[in-house]
């Protein structure tokens, strides 16, 4: 069995990925089974650099706030701000503390400094301004959209800044963490929120009638991002106010839709590498248990693929051990256990071929002793275009 698996394994580099896929997808999605491990991010960084140099990729998108990430992109493209500032304010979910993310931003800035703007590489977040405890006020997104439209549009078609501020009210009414568990605490069904949803639709329609002037496409793209984000946030807040039993599944689905829309927008401009948890990028329906309920939704990757078709590819990542979190050598009957006999260097596995090899012996599902690590579901193996295996995670 080990010999068969070794026959499917290759180095994790751009050339091996392209040979495995047989094409250059516009959206190449690389998953990870846990967050916060720089060993995984270092492998991602190496692959991204090779994709830039040899395959024409120009954007990396990570599972972080799409609006905050504009600070990082400004830094890597024009040097705006400082590295310390963008690491603190340009990342969410604690990702700015990662040394590997810092190395990525530093490298992107150095790469762009010596090249014309047309050859710049870009950084993006593709998550919404969301956290586990709630969602951001739509103020930042709506203000950005309004600011872009103001000099281009008849003032009579726009709300005044005072009117917009009155409808939004204090940001705390939107960000109250109590609303995540109690729909009666949400302002998502308030008269002001309903008016803001109509207003956002009107502003988005106005934006869609604009053609960016020469050299102004980046500002136009950011206005589109603000429009998508305002729309998505207002939908999310409305779902938070919904008392039905499907409320949590709906919230997860709306987050995935926001992610997918951001990824699709990025692929309009250049081939993109997306990096996020496996569950956000997989093709099969995602699921989890929360509060005693089984929740299911289609991931951002699955939603994006419905538009991209063959221009979407997904590489899942599996891990052998994370000793500092109590994740020790995997049982040999699991998928991770079968792969653990490989040498310690990272490997790219031909997942379809491995699935065929294992047809007569379905691996068991691994049980994680650490809540932050999700082992791969062996039944999903046939849906992966490739599988990256990192044998051991070093503590950083």
Protein backbone atom coordinates (compact mmCIF):
# COMPACT_ATOMS: atom_id res chain seq x y z
CA UNK A 1 0.00 0.00 0.00
CA UNK A 2 2.78 2.45 0.89
CA UNK A 3 4.47 1.83 -2.48
CA UNK A 4 1.22 2.61 -4.31
CA UNK A 5 0.84 5.86 -2.38
CA UNK A 6 4.43 6.87 -3.07
CA UNK A 7 3.73 6.44 -6.76
CA UNK A 8 1.09 9.18 -6.51
CA UNK A 9 3.30 11.64 -4.60
CA UNK A 10 5.26 14.59 -6.01
CA UNK A 11 7.01 17.70 -4.76
CA UNK A 12 4.74 20.61 -3.81
CA UNK A 13 5.71 23.07 -6.53
CA UNK A 14 3.99 24.96 -9.32
CA UNK A 15 5.23 22.64 -12.07
CA UNK A 16 3.89 19.53 -10.27
CA UNK A 17 0.55 21.24 -9.62
CA UNK A 18 0.11 22.20 -13.26
CA UNK A 19 1.08 18.73 -14.48
CA UNK A 20 -1.41 17.20 -12.07
CA UNK A 21 -4.23 19.53 -13.11
CA UNK A 22 -3.42 19.57 -16.81
CA UNK A 23 -4.43 23.23 -16.97
CA UNK A 24 -3.93 26.62 -15.31
CA UNK A 25 -7.15 27.35 -13.39
CA UNK A 26 -8.13 30.97 -12.88
CA UNK A 27 -8.89 30.10 -9.26
CA UNK A 28 -6.55 27.65 -7.58
CA UNK A 29 -7.80 26.95 -4.05
CA UNK A 30 -5.41 25.62 -1.41
CA UNK A 31 -7.07 24.47 1.79
CA UNK A 32 -5.74 23.89 5.29
CA UNK A 33 -7.24 21.73 8.07
CA UNK A 34 -6.31 24.12 10.89
CA UNK A 35 -5.43 27.78 11.33
CA UNK A 36 -2.45 29.42 12.95
CA UNK A 37 0.33 27.05 11.86
CA UNK A 38 3.16 28.77 10.02
CA UNK A 39 4.43 25.47 8.58
CA UNK A 40 1.32 25.41 6.39
CA UNK A 41 1.64 29.08 5.48
CA UNK A 42 5.29 28.70 4.54
CA UNK A 43 4.35 25.95 2.08
CA UNK A 44 1.63 28.25 0.71
CA UNK A 45 4.10 31.12 0.33
CA UNK A 46 6.59 28.96 -1.58
CA UNK A 47 3.88 27.78 -3.95
CA UNK A 48 2.56 31.31 -4.51
CA UNK A 49 6.02 32.62 -5.41
CA UNK A 50 6.42 29.85 -7.97
CA UNK A 51 2.95 30.44 -9.41
CA UNK A 52 3.89 34.11 -9.90
CA UNK A 53 7.23 33.39 -11.50
CA UNK A 54 6.19 30.51 -13.76
CA UNK A 55 2.42 30.49 -14.24
CA UNK A 56 1.29 34.13 -14.38
CA UNK A 57 -0.64 34.24 -11.10
CA UNK A 58 -0.95 37.78 -9.75
CA UNK A 59 -3.19 37.66 -6.64
CA UNK A 60 -3.26 35.78 -3.38
CA UNK A 61 -6.55 35.86 -1.46
CA UNK A 62 -6.82 34.65 2.13
CA UNK A 63 -9.63 34.01 4.61
CA UNK A 64 -9.55 37.53 6.08
CA UNK A 65 -11.69 40.69 6.04
CA UNK A 66 -11.93 41.90 2.43
CA UNK A 67 -12.06 45.58 3.43
CA UNK A 68 -9.19 45.46 5.93
CA UNK A 69 -7.05 43.68 3.34
CA UNK A 70 -7.06 46.83 1.19
CA UNK A 71 -4.49 48.23 3.63
CA UNK A 72 -2.19 45.31 2.86
CA UNK A 73 -2.65 45.67 -0.90
CA UNK A 74 -1.90 49.40 -0.69
CA UNK A 75 1.31 48.59 1.13
CA UNK A 76 2.52 45.86 -1.23
CA UNK A 77 1.69 47.88 -4.36
CA UNK A 78 2.64 51.42 -3.37
CA UNK A 79 4.37 51.29 0.01
CA UNK A 80 1.52 53.09 1.80
CA UNK A 81 1.85 52.72 5.58
CA UNK A 82 4.37 50.53 7.37
CA UNK A 83 4.74 46.78 7.64
CA UNK A 84 3.85 46.88 11.34
CA UNK A 85 0.70 48.91 10.65
CA UNK A 86 -0.64 46.64 7.93
CA UNK A 87 0.07 43.49 9.92
CA UNK A 88 -1.91 44.94 12.84
CA UNK A 89 -4.82 46.45 10.92
CA UNK A 90 -4.88 44.68 7.54
CA UNK A 91 -5.57 41.16 8.83
CA UNK A 92 -8.42 39.73 10.90
CA UNK A 93 -8.94 36.43 12.78
CA UNK A 94 -5.51 36.94 14.41
CA UNK A 95 -3.68 36.21 11.14
CA UNK A 96 -1.56 39.36 11.41
CA UNK A 97 0.46 37.77 14.21
CA UNK A 98 1.80 35.09 11.87
CA UNK A 99 5.49 35.32 10.97
CA UNK A 100 4.75 33.54 7.69
CA UNK A 101 2.08 36.10 6.77
CA UNK A 102 4.54 38.85 7.61
CA UNK A 103 7.15 37.22 5.38
CA UNK A 104 4.60 37.04 2.56
CA UNK A 105 3.73 40.73 2.80
CA UNK A 106 7.40 41.72 2.98
CA UNK A 107 8.22 39.60 -0.06
CA UNK A 108 5.31 40.98 -2.09
CA UNK A 109 6.40 44.54 -1.36
CA UNK A 110 9.99 43.79 -2.42
CA UNK A 111 8.75 42.05 -5.57
CA UNK A 112 6.59 45.02 -6.60
CA UNK A 113 9.16 47.73 -5.86
CA UNK A 114 11.21 46.90 -8.94
CA UNK A 115 8.34 46.31 -11.37
CA UNK A 116 5.82 48.44 -13.27
CA UNK A 117 2.24 48.54 -11.97
CA UNK A 118 1.02 46.20 -14.72
CA UNK A 119 3.27 43.46 -13.30
CA UNK A 120 2.41 43.98 -9.63
CA UNK A 121 1.17 41.15 -7.48
CA UNK A 122 -1.83 41.85 -5.26
CA UNK A 123 -3.07 40.84 -1.84
CA UNK A 124 -6.76 40.36 -1.03
CA UNK A 125 -9.00 39.13 1.73
CA UNK A 126 -12.09 37.29 0.56
CA UNK A 127 -14.00 36.89 3.81
CA UNK A 128 -16.65 39.39 4.83
CA UNK A 129 -16.16 41.74 7.81
CA UNK A 130 -17.47 38.98 10.07
CA UNK A 131 -16.39 37.32 13.28
CA UNK A 132 -17.82 34.36 15.19
CA UNK A 133 -19.52 36.78 17.58
CA UNK A 134 -21.24 38.86 14.93
CA UNK A 135 -20.92 41.15 11.93
CA UNK A 136 -19.61 44.64 11.31
CA UNK A 137 -21.81 47.67 10.75
CA UNK A 138 -22.35 48.34 7.02
CA UNK A 139 -21.06 51.89 7.61
CA UNK A 140 -17.54 51.34 6.25
CA UNK A 141 -18.75 49.64 3.07
CA UNK A 142 -21.62 52.07 2.41
CA UNK A 143 -19.45 55.10 3.07
CA UNK A 144 -16.87 53.83 0.60
CA UNK A 145 -19.51 53.28 -2.06
CA UNK A 146 -21.12 56.68 -1.44
CA UNK A 147 -17.74 58.43 -1.56
CA UNK A 148 -16.96 56.90 -4.94
CA UNK A 149 -20.33 57.81 -6.46
CA UNK A 150 -20.61 61.35 -5.08
CA UNK A 151 -18.45 63.16 -7.70
CA UNK A 152 -19.86 61.07 -10.57
CA UNK A 153 -23.60 61.18 -9.92
CA UNK A 154 -26.46 63.67 -9.73
CA UNK A 155 -26.63 64.57 -6.00
CA UNK A 156 -30.40 64.12 -6.12
CA UNK A 157 -29.85 60.38 -6.65
CA UNK A 158 -27.77 59.98 -3.50
CA UNK A 159 -28.68 60.19 0.17
CA UNK A 160 -26.98 63.02 2.01
CA UNK A 161 -24.20 61.98 4.39
CA UNK A 162 -26.42 63.08 7.29
CA UNK A 163 -29.27 60.89 6.07
CA UNK A 164 -26.97 57.92 5.65
CA UNK A 165 -25.56 58.46 9.14
CA UNK A 166 -29.06 58.70 10.64
CA UNK A 167 -30.09 55.40 9.04
CA UNK A 168 -26.95 53.65 10.21
CA UNK A 169 -27.12 54.96 13.77
CA UNK A 170 -24.43 53.95 16.27
CA UNK A 171 -22.25 51.06 15.15
CA UNK A 172 -22.86 49.27 18.45
CA UNK A 173 -26.44 48.50 17.42
CA UNK A 174 -25.01 46.37 14.59
CA UNK A 175 -22.10 44.76 16.43
CA UNK A 176 -23.86 43.73 19.65
CA UNK A 177 -22.58 40.14 20.24
CA UNK A 178 -25.87 39.19 21.92
CA UNK A 179 -27.51 39.22 18.47
CA UNK A 180 -25.58 36.15 17.33
CA UNK A 181 -27.49 33.91 19.73
CA UNK A 182 -30.66 35.94 20.22
CA UNK A 183 -32.41 37.19 17.06
CA UNK A 184 -34.50 39.65 19.08
CA UNK A 185 -31.28 41.56 19.84
CA UNK A 186 -30.52 42.10 16.15
CA UNK A 187 -31.39 45.30 14.31
CA UNK A 188 -31.48 43.49 10.98
CA UNK A 189 -35.27 43.76 10.61
CA UNK A 190 -35.55 47.35 11.80
CA UNK A 191 -37.15 49.96 9.50
CA UNK A 192 -33.75 51.62 9.12
CA UNK A 193 -32.08 48.36 8.09
CA UNK A 194 -34.81 47.65 5.53
CA UNK A 195 -34.42 51.14 4.07
CA UNK A 196 -30.66 50.68 3.93
CA UNK A 197 -31.10 47.47 1.95
CA UNK A 198 -33.18 49.31 -0.66
CA UNK A 199 -30.74 52.20 -0.66
CA UNK A 200 -27.78 49.88 -1.16
CA UNK A 201 -29.53 48.24 -4.09
CA UNK A 202 -30.09 51.66 -5.67
CA UNK A 203 -26.46 52.71 -5.12
CA UNK A 204 -25.21 49.44 -6.58
CA UNK A 205 -27.40 49.97 -9.64
CA UNK A 206 -25.92 53.47 -10.02
CA UNK A 207 -22.43 52.01 -9.82
CA UNK A 208 -23.29 49.44 -12.46
CA UNK A 209 -24.12 52.27 -14.88
CA UNK A 210 -20.62 53.74 -14.54
CA UNK A 211 -17.67 53.01 -16.82
CA UNK A 212 -14.33 53.71 -15.12
CA UNK A 213 -12.12 56.32 -16.73
CA UNK A 214 -8.69 55.39 -18.03
CA UNK A 215 -6.45 54.67 -15.07
CA UNK A 216 -9.33 54.60 -12.59
CA UNK A 217 -10.22 50.91 -12.76
CA UNK A 218 -8.72 50.12 -9.36
CA UNK A 219 -10.98 52.69 -7.66
CA UNK A 220 -13.96 51.27 -9.56
CA UNK A 221 -13.07 47.73 -8.48
CA UNK A 222 -12.91 48.86 -4.87
CA UNK A 223 -16.29 50.56 -5.19
CA UNK A 224 -17.69 47.24 -6.45
CA UNK A 225 -16.15 45.54 -3.42
CA UNK A 226 -17.81 48.09 -1.14
CA UNK A 227 -21.15 47.52 -2.87
CA UNK A 228 -20.89 43.71 -2.54
CA UNK A 229 -19.87 44.01 1.10
CA UNK A 230 -22.65 46.41 2.05
CA UNK A 231 -25.19 44.15 0.36
CA UNK A 232 -23.78 41.06 2.02
CA UNK A 233 -23.64 42.62 5.48
CA UNK A 234 -27.22 43.83 5.33
CA UNK A 235 -28.39 40.39 4.23
CA UNK A 236 -26.38 38.87 7.07
CA UNK A 237 -27.86 41.20 9.67
CA UNK A 238 -31.36 40.44 8.38
CA UNK A 239 -30.66 36.72 8.77
CA UNK A 240 -29.40 37.33 12.31
CA UNK A 241 -32.84 38.74 13.13
CA UNK A 242 -34.58 35.65 11.73
CA UNK A 243 -35.97 33.43 14.56
CA UNK A 244 -36.44 30.34 12.37
CA UNK A 245 -34.66 27.02 12.99
CA UNK A 246 -32.62 27.43 9.80
CA UNK A 247 -31.08 30.68 11.04
CA UNK A 248 -27.52 29.45 11.68
CA UNK A 249 -27.31 27.47 8.46
CA UNK A 250 -28.50 30.55 6.63
CA UNK A 251 -25.78 32.69 8.22
CA UNK A 252 -23.09 30.20 7.22
CA UNK A 253 -24.47 30.09 3.68
CA UNK A 254 -24.53 33.89 3.39
CA UNK A 255 -20.93 34.12 4.57
CA UNK A 256 -19.97 31.55 1.93
CA UNK A 257 -21.81 33.56 -0.73
CA UNK A 258 -19.89 36.70 0.21
CA UNK A 259 -16.64 34.77 0.01
CA UNK A 260 -17.50 33.29 -3.37
CA UNK A 261 -18.52 36.65 -4.84
CA UNK A 262 -15.20 38.16 -3.77
CA UNK A 263 -13.25 35.27 -5.28
CA UNK A 264 -15.14 35.50 -8.56
CA UNK A 265 -14.45 39.23 -8.76
CA UNK A 266 -10.72 38.63 -8.25
CA UNK A 267 -10.55 36.05 -11.03
CA UNK A 268 -11.92 38.60 -13.51
CA UNK A 269 -8.51 40.29 -13.48
CA UNK A 270 -5.87 37.59 -13.13
CA UNK A 271 -5.32 33.98 -12.01
CA UNK A 272 -5.69 33.85 -8.24
CA UNK A 273 -4.48 31.58 -5.45
CA UNK A 274 -7.04 31.35 -2.63
CA UNK A 275 -6.04 30.05 0.79
CA UNK A 276 -8.52 29.17 3.53
CA UNK A 277 -9.80 26.33 5.65
CA UNK A 278 -10.58 23.19 3.66
CA UNK A 279 -14.24 23.53 4.65
CA UNK A 280 -14.51 26.88 2.84
CA UNK A 281 -13.13 25.52 -0.43
CA UNK A 282 -14.34 21.93 -0.75
CA UNK A 283 -16.83 20.72 -3.32
CA UNK A 284 -19.07 18.52 -1.12
CA UNK A 285 -21.55 20.23 1.17
CA UNK A 286 -19.92 21.53 4.34
CA UNK A 287 -21.38 20.68 7.75
CA UNK A 288 -20.83 21.15 11.45
CA UNK A 289 -22.62 20.72 14.77
CA UNK A 290 -23.45 23.80 16.80
CA UNK A 291 -25.70 24.03 19.82
CA UNK A 292 -26.80 20.42 19.34
CA UNK A 293 -27.90 21.04 15.74
CA UNK A 294 -26.52 19.74 12.48
CA UNK A 295 -25.78 22.65 10.15
CA UNK A 296 -24.98 22.34 6.45
CA UNK A 297 -24.20 24.77 3.64
CA UNK A 298 -22.36 24.96 0.34
CA UNK A 299 -18.83 26.33 0.64
CA UNK A 300 -17.39 29.35 -1.15
CA UNK A 301 -15.39 27.01 -3.37
CA UNK A 302 -18.44 24.98 -4.37
CA UNK A 303 -20.37 28.17 -5.15
CA UNK A 304 -17.50 29.67 -7.15
CA UNK A 305 -17.10 26.49 -9.18
CA UNK A 306 -20.69 26.77 -10.42
CA UNK A 307 -19.51 29.86 -12.33
CA UNK A 308 -15.91 28.89 -13.11
CA UNK A 309 -16.40 25.22 -14.02
CA UNK A 310 -13.00 23.87 -15.18
CA UNK A 311 -11.35 27.14 -14.14
CA UNK A 312 -11.64 26.06 -10.49
CA UNK A 313 -9.28 23.59 -8.84
CA UNK A 314 -9.02 22.55 -5.21
CA UNK A 315 -6.02 21.17 -3.36
CA UNK A 316 -6.92 20.00 0.14
CA UNK A 317 -4.22 19.79 2.82
CA UNK A 318 -3.83 16.97 5.31
CA UNK A 319 -1.62 16.89 8.42
CA UNK A 320 0.13 14.05 10.22
CA UNK A 321 0.94 15.51 13.63
CA UNK A 322 0.59 18.77 15.56
CA UNK A 323 2.44 17.76 18.76
CA UNK A 324 1.91 21.06 20.59
CA UNK A 325 -1.86 20.54 20.29
CA UNK A 326 -1.85 16.87 21.24
CA UNK A 327 -2.32 15.62 17.68
CA UNK A 328 0.07 12.66 17.57
CA UNK A 329 0.87 9.98 14.99
CA UNK A 330 -2.35 9.17 13.11
CA UNK A 331 -3.80 5.65 13.28
CA UNK A 332 -2.67 3.60 10.26
CA UNK A 333 -6.27 2.90 9.27
CA UNK A 334 -6.95 6.61 8.59
CA UNK A 335 -6.15 8.54 5.42
CA UNK A 336 -3.55 10.59 7.30
CA UNK A 337 -2.10 7.38 8.74
CA UNK A 338 -1.72 5.83 5.30
CA UNK A 339 0.13 8.94 4.13
CA UNK A 340 2.32 9.13 7.23
CA UNK A 341 4.79 6.59 5.82
CA UNK A 342 5.86 9.17 3.23
CA UNK A 343 9.19 10.99 3.79
CA UNK A 344 8.91 14.11 6.01
CA UNK A 345 9.06 16.66 3.17
CA UNK A 346 5.73 18.10 1.92
CA UNK A 347 4.10 16.06 -0.82
CA UNK A 348 1.51 16.71 -3.50
CA UNK A 349 -0.66 13.62 -3.92
CA UNK A 350 -2.60 12.70 -7.05
CA UNK A 351 -5.94 12.48 -5.22
CA UNK A 352 -8.00 10.83 -8.01
CA UNK A 353 -5.30 8.17 -8.46
CA UNK A 354 -5.03 7.64 -4.71
CA UNK A 355 -8.81 7.23 -4.51
CA UNK A 356 -8.62 4.49 -7.13
CA UNK A 357 -5.78 2.84 -5.21
CA UNK A 358 -7.81 2.83 -2.00
CA UNK A 359 -11.14 1.77 -3.51
CA UNK A 360 -11.01 -1.66 -1.89
CA UNK A 361 -9.97 -0.25 1.47
CA UNK A 362 -11.93 2.78 2.60
CA UNK A 363 -9.86 4.62 5.24
CA UNK A 364 -11.44 5.33 8.60
CA UNK A 365 -12.23 8.89 9.66
CA UNK A 366 -9.64 10.30 12.02
CA UNK A 367 -10.81 11.72 15.35
CA UNK A 368 -9.10 14.94 16.42
CA UNK A 369 -8.24 15.55 20.08
CA UNK A 370 -7.87 19.26 19.27
CA UNK A 371 -10.97 21.31 18.44
CA UNK A 372 -9.02 23.57 16.08
CA UNK A 373 -8.01 20.79 13.70
CA UNK A 374 -10.42 19.10 11.29
CA UNK A 375 -9.11 15.84 9.78
CA UNK A 376 -10.05 15.14 6.17
CA UNK A 377 -13.24 13.24 5.46
CA UNK A 378 -12.05 10.14 3.53
CA UNK A 379 -15.30 10.10 1.55
CA UNK A 380 -14.30 13.43 -0.02
CA UNK A 381 -11.03 12.15 -1.50
CA UNK A 382 -12.45 11.65 -5.00
CA UNK A 383 -13.59 15.31 -5.09
CA UNK A 384 -10.08 16.75 -4.64
CA UNK A 385 -7.95 17.69 -7.62
CA UNK A 386 -4.90 17.12 -5.43
CA UNK A 387 -3.91 16.57 -1.84
CA UNK A 388 -1.03 18.31 -0.06
CA UNK A 389 0.34 16.29 2.82
CA UNK A 390 2.41 17.95 5.55
CA UNK A 391 3.67 15.19 7.81
CA UNK A 392 4.62 17.10 10.97
CA UNK A 393 3.79 20.64 12.11
CA UNK A 394 6.59 22.34 14.00
CA UNK A 395 5.70 24.67 16.86
CA UNK A 396 6.57 28.29 16.10
